[in-house]
Amino acid sequence: MADTSKLSKEDRKKAKRAVRKKKKAEKPLGKRTVPRGSAKRKVKKMVRGQSKR
């Protein structure tokens, strides 16, 4: 990205947004291979309270 120090805050935001949008269009993220949170430790039988965890 070019030097934006001489631009106003609004122009700087517009420039950053444009670059971000362009980057997203060029290189989109791949599809997920595993579901989100699948590596998270599952807490089973929470009713038993602290002793179970």
Protein backbone atom coordinates (compact mmCIF):
# COMPACT_ATOMS: atom_id res chain seq x y z
CA MET A 1 0.00 0.00 0.00
CA ALA A 2 1.18 3.52 -0.79
CA ASP A 3 2.14 6.10 1.83
CA THR A 4 -1.12 7.44 3.30
CA SER A 5 0.34 9.85 5.85
CA LYS A 6 -0.57 12.88 3.75
CA LEU A 7 -4.23 11.86 3.36
CA SER A 8 -7.05 12.85 5.70
CA LYS A 9 -8.48 10.24 8.06
CA GLU A 10 -11.56 9.63 5.87
CA ASP A 11 -9.47 9.26 2.71
CA ARG A 12 -7.10 6.92 4.53
CA LYS A 13 -10.04 4.73 5.63
CA LYS A 14 -11.39 4.64 2.08
CA ALA A 15 -7.99 3.67 0.68
CA LYS A 16 -7.49 0.90 3.24
CA ARG A 17 -10.98 -0.46 2.63
CA ALA A 18 -10.41 -0.50 -1.13
CA VAL A 19 -7.13 -2.38 -0.75
CA ARG A 20 -8.73 -4.89 1.63
CA LYS A 21 -11.62 -5.48 -0.77
CA LYS A 22 -9.24 -5.92 -3.71
CA LYS A 23 -7.09 -8.40 -1.79
CA LYS A 24 -10.16 -10.42 -0.76
CA ALA A 25 -11.31 -10.64 -4.40
CA GLU A 26 -7.87 -11.73 -5.63
CA LYS A 27 -7.16 -14.36 -3.00
CA PRO A 28 -10.30 -15.68 -1.31
CA LEU A 29 -10.07 -17.92 1.74
CA GLY A 30 -10.40 -21.64 1.16
CA LYS A 31 -13.26 -23.74 2.40
CA ARG A 32 -13.00 -25.09 5.95
CA THR A 33 -11.77 -28.65 6.18
CA VAL A 34 -12.84 -29.15 9.79
CA PRO A 35 -15.81 -27.64 11.61
CA ARG A 36 -15.16 -24.61 13.81
CA GLY A 37 -14.50 -25.46 17.43
CA SER A 38 -13.99 -29.14 16.71
CA ALA A 39 -10.64 -29.18 18.54
CA LYS A 40 -12.23 -27.62 21.63
CA ARG A 41 -12.37 -29.76 24.76
CA LYS A 42 -15.95 -30.76 25.36
CA VAL A 43 -17.25 -30.60 28.95
CA LYS A 44 -19.49 -33.59 29.50
CA LYS A 45 -21.91 -34.01 32.39
CA MET A 46 -21.64 -30.43 33.64
CA VAL A 47 -24.36 -31.14 36.22
CA ARG A 48 -21.83 -32.98 38.37
CA GLY A 49 -20.07 -29.69 38.98
CA GLN A 50 -16.41 -28.97 39.69
CA SER A 51 -15.46 -32.51 40.73
CA LYS A 52 -16.06 -33.84 37.22
CA ARG A 53 -13.90 -31.19 35.50
